[in-house]
C-alpha atoms as a PDB file:
ATOM      1  CA  MET A   1      -0.235  -0.297   0.156  1.00  0.00           C
ATOM      2  CA  ARG A   2       2.750   2.450   1.401  1.00  0.00           C
ATOM      3  CA  SER A   3       4.075   1.643  -2.320  1.00  0.00           C
ATOM      4  CA  VAL A   4       1.431   2.485  -4.276  1.00  0.00           C
ATOM      5  CA  GLN A   5       1.235   5.809  -2.378  1.00  0.00           C
ATOM      6  CA  ARG A   6       4.546   6.504  -2.831  1.00  0.00           C
ATOM      7  CA  HIS A   7       4.413   5.935  -6.633  1.00  0.00           C
ATOM      8  CA  LEU A   8       1.066   8.127  -6.771  1.00  0.00           C
ATOM      9  CA  GLY A   9       2.836  10.970  -5.221  1.00  0.00           C
ATOM     10  CA  LEU A  10       6.192  10.733  -7.493  1.00  0.00           C
ATOM     11  CA  ALA A  11       3.938  10.456 -10.032  1.00  0.00           C
ATOM     12  CA  ALA A  12       2.052  13.711  -9.079  1.00  0.00           C
ATOM     13  CA  ILE A  13       4.987  15.456  -8.482  1.00  0.00           C
ATOM     14  CA  ALA A  14       6.068  14.457 -12.241  1.00  0.00           C
ATOM     15  CA  VAL A  15       3.130  15.951 -13.701  1.00  0.00           C
ATOM     16  CA  SER A  16       3.355  19.030 -11.454  1.00  0.00           C
ATOM     17  CA  LEU A  17       6.840  19.715 -12.874  1.00  0.00           C
ATOM     18  CA  LEU A  18       6.067  18.887 -16.336  1.00  0.00           C
ATOM     19  CA  LEU A  19       2.809  21.335 -16.326  1.00  0.00           C
ATOM     20  CA  GLY A  20       4.636  23.699 -14.121  1.00  0.00           C
ATOM     21  CA  SER A  21       3.273  25.057 -10.845  1.00  0.00           C
ATOM     22  CA  GLY A  22       4.034  28.515 -11.485  1.00  0.00           C
ATOM     23  CA  ALA A  23       5.188  30.600  -9.014  1.00  0.00           C
ATOM     24  CA  ALA A  24       3.561  28.288  -5.994  1.00  0.00           C
ATOM     25  CA  GLN A  25       4.937  29.203  -2.719  1.00  0.00           C
ATOM     26  CA  ALA A  26       6.264  26.512  -0.263  1.00  0.00           C
ATOM     27  CA  ALA A  27       3.456  25.311   2.413  1.00  0.00           C
ATOM     28  CA  ASP A  28       3.453  26.545   5.738  1.00  0.00           C
ATOM     29  CA  ALA A  29       3.088  23.670   8.825  1.00  0.00           C
ATOM     30  CA  VAL A  30       2.544  26.752  11.116  1.00  0.00           C
ATOM     31  CA  LYS A  31      -0.279  28.265   9.250  1.00  0.00           C
ATOM     32  CA  GLY A  32      -1.541  24.662   8.445  1.00  0.00           C
ATOM     33  CA  GLN A  33      -1.777  23.615  12.133  1.00  0.00           C
ATOM     34  CA  ALA A  34      -4.009  26.937  12.392  1.00  0.00           C
ATOM     35  CA  ALA A  35      -5.825  26.128   9.497  1.00  0.00           C
ATOM     36  CA  PHE A  36      -6.523  22.333  10.548  1.00  0.00           C
ATOM     37  CA  MET A  37      -8.162  24.108  13.826  1.00  0.00           C
ATOM     38  CA  LYS A  38     -10.098  26.946  12.184  1.00  0.00           C
ATOM     39  CA  TYR A  39     -11.826  24.454   9.267  1.00  0.00           C
ATOM     40  CA  GLY A  40     -12.655  22.039  12.185  1.00  0.00           C
ATOM     41  CA  CYS A  41     -10.635  19.273  10.816  1.00  0.00           C
ATOM     42  CA  TRP A  42      -9.209  18.571  14.473  1.00  0.00           C
ATOM     43  CA  GLN A  43     -13.023  17.707  15.315  1.00  0.00           C
ATOM     44  CA  CYS A  44     -13.044  14.473  13.845  1.00  0.00           C
ATOM     45  CA  HIS A  45      -9.349  13.569  13.233  1.00  0.00           C
ATOM     46  CA  GLY A  46      -7.944  14.710  16.612  1.00  0.00           C
ATOM     47  CA  MET A  47      -5.514  17.764  17.491  1.00  0.00           C
ATOM     48  CA  VAL A  48      -2.901  16.045  15.654  1.00  0.00           C
ATOM     49  CA  GLY A  49      -4.331  13.973  13.156  1.00  0.00           C
ATOM     50  CA  GLN A  50      -4.413  11.153  15.324  1.00  0.00           C
ATOM     51  CA  GLY A  51      -7.917   9.726  14.087  1.00  0.00           C
ATOM     52  CA  SER A  52     -10.877   7.916  15.822  1.00  0.00           C
ATOM     53  CA  ALA A  53     -12.355   4.519  15.056  1.00  0.00           C
ATOM     54  CA  ILE A  54     -15.485   6.557  15.471  1.00  0.00           C
ATOM     55  CA  THR A  55     -15.155   9.946  14.171  1.00  0.00           C
ATOM     56  CA  GLY A  56     -12.696  10.177  11.541  1.00  0.00           C
ATOM     57  CA  PRO A  57      -9.245   8.535  10.345  1.00  0.00           C
ATOM     58  CA  LYS A  58      -5.932   8.714  10.971  1.00  0.00           C
ATOM     59  CA  LEU A  59      -4.047  11.490   9.155  1.00  0.00           C
ATOM     60  CA  ALA A  60      -0.600  11.642  10.463  1.00  0.00           C
ATOM     61  CA  PRO A  61       2.088  11.210  10.450  1.00  0.00           C
ATOM     62  CA  ASN A  62       3.032  10.435   7.260  1.00  0.00           C
ATOM     63  CA  PRO A  63      -0.558  11.652   5.594  1.00  0.00           C
ATOM     64  CA  MET A  64      -1.202  10.407   1.750  1.00  0.00           C
ATOM     65  CA  PRO A  65       0.094  12.210  -0.974  1.00  0.00           C
ATOM     66  CA  TYR A  66      -1.221  15.888  -1.193  1.00  0.00           C
ATOM     67  CA  ASP A  67      -2.866  15.436  -4.505  1.00  0.00           C
ATOM     68  CA  ALA A  68      -4.642  12.057  -3.674  1.00  0.00           C
ATOM     69  CA  MET A  69      -6.062  13.993  -0.075  1.00  0.00           C
ATOM     70  CA  ALA A  70      -6.899  17.318  -2.120  1.00  0.00           C
ATOM     71  CA  ALA A  71      -9.050  15.045  -4.869  1.00  0.00           C
ATOM     72  CA  PHE A  72     -10.679  13.353  -1.439  1.00  0.00           C
ATOM     73  CA  ILE A  73     -11.328  16.452   0.280  1.00  0.00           C
ATOM     74  CA  ARG A  74     -12.756  18.376  -2.304  1.00  0.00           C
ATOM     75  CA  SER A  75     -15.268  15.736  -3.901  1.00  0.00           C
ATOM     76  CA  SER A  76     -16.073  13.359  -0.866  1.00  0.00           C
ATOM     77  CA  ASN A  77     -19.181  11.515  -0.891  1.00  0.00           C
ATOM     78  CA  ARG A  78     -18.718  10.140   2.365  1.00  0.00           C
ATOM     79  CA  ALA A  79     -19.311  10.784   5.977  1.00  0.00           C
ATOM     80  CA  MET A  80     -17.115  13.511   5.412  1.00  0.00           C
ATOM     81  CA  PRO A  81     -18.684  16.718   3.344  1.00  0.00           C
ATOM     82  CA  PRO A  82     -16.725  17.911   0.456  1.00  0.00           C
ATOM     83  CA  TYR A  83     -14.466  21.043   1.151  1.00  0.00           C
ATOM     84  CA  LYS A  84     -14.577  22.926  -2.297  1.00  0.00           C
ATOM     85  CA  GLU A  85     -12.124  25.743  -3.085  1.00  0.00           C
ATOM     86  CA  ALA A  86     -14.678  27.969  -2.084  1.00  0.00           C
ATOM     87  CA  VAL A  87     -14.979  26.801   1.794  1.00  0.00           C
ATOM     88  CA  LEU A  88     -11.114  25.804   1.897  1.00  0.00           C
ATOM     89  CA  PRO A  89      -8.707  27.262  -0.349  1.00  0.00           C
ATOM     90  CA  THR A  90      -5.760  25.468  -1.963  1.00  0.00           C
ATOM     91  CA  PRO A  91      -3.227  27.393   0.160  1.00  0.00           C
ATOM     92  CA  ASP A  92      -4.972  26.594   3.295  1.00  0.00           C
ATOM     93  CA  LEU A  93      -4.930  22.792   2.202  1.00  0.00           C
ATOM     94  CA  GLN A  94      -1.571  22.838   1.189  1.00  0.00           C
ATOM     95  CA  ASP A  95      -0.553  24.367   4.722  1.00  0.00           C
ATOM     96  CA  ILE A  96      -2.859  22.013   6.465  1.00  0.00           C
ATOM     97  CA  HIS A  97      -0.671  19.044   4.291  1.00  0.00           C
ATOM     98  CA  ALA A  98       2.274  20.509   5.582  1.00  0.00           C
ATOM     99  CA  TYR A  99       1.307  20.262   9.223  1.00  0.00           C
ATOM    100  CA  LEU A 100       0.499  16.842   8.825  1.00  0.00           C
ATOM    101  CA  ALA A 101       3.497  16.082   7.131  1.00  0.00           C
ATOM    102  CA  SER A 102       5.425  17.660  10.023  1.00  0.00           C
ATOM    103  CA  ILE A 103       3.937  15.511  12.909  1.00  0.00           C
ATOM    104  CA  PRO A 104       6.476  13.240  14.156  1.00  0.00           C
ATOM    105  CA  PRO A 105       5.607   9.694  14.751  1.00  0.00           C
ATOM    106  CA  SER A 106       4.813   8.308  18.098  1.00  0.00           C
ATOM    107  CA  ALA A 107       7.680   6.797  20.023  1.00  0.00           C
ATOM    108  CA  ASP A 108       8.401   3.230  20.315  1.00  0.00           C
ATOM    109  CA  PRO A 109       7.036   2.154  23.628  1.00  0.00           C
ATOM    110  CA  LYS A 110      10.016   0.150  24.180  1.00  0.00           C
ATOM    111  CA  THR A 111      11.836   3.301  24.546  1.00  0.00           C
ATOM    112  CA  ILE A 112       9.380   4.805  27.395  1.00  0.00           C
ATOM    113  CA  PRO A 113      10.790   3.391  30.830  1.00  0.00           C
ATOM    114  CA  LEU A 114       7.502   4.123  32.467  1.00  0.00           C
ATOM    115  CA  LEU A 115       5.902   1.604  30.335  1.00  0.00           C
ATOM    116  CA  ASN A 116       8.790  -1.077  30.786  1.00  0.00           C
ATOM    117  CA  ASP A 117       9.152  -1.118  34.365  1.00  0.00           C
END
């Protein structure tokens, strides 16, 4: 599955390079965290994208490639309503993806002394 996601991500990057992304600005994880809160993503996916079996899937760490995430968010027909460009501008969505990508994985429980006593 990760291999497929990686290949999709690489293909999306290649297409972006071929088509030219213009003067696109780099996404900002700090702004993304604020946008994650502003647009209510945290309500279903948790404050750090950890998700819940009841409210929404895990988004971080290692979020899906940006293009796949954006396509789902823009056209969702599941429990999550679609967030069109007029509701969630693309720069904010890019920042949210950068925020999710910046979240480090949880510590291995074996490295936490209190859990190993």
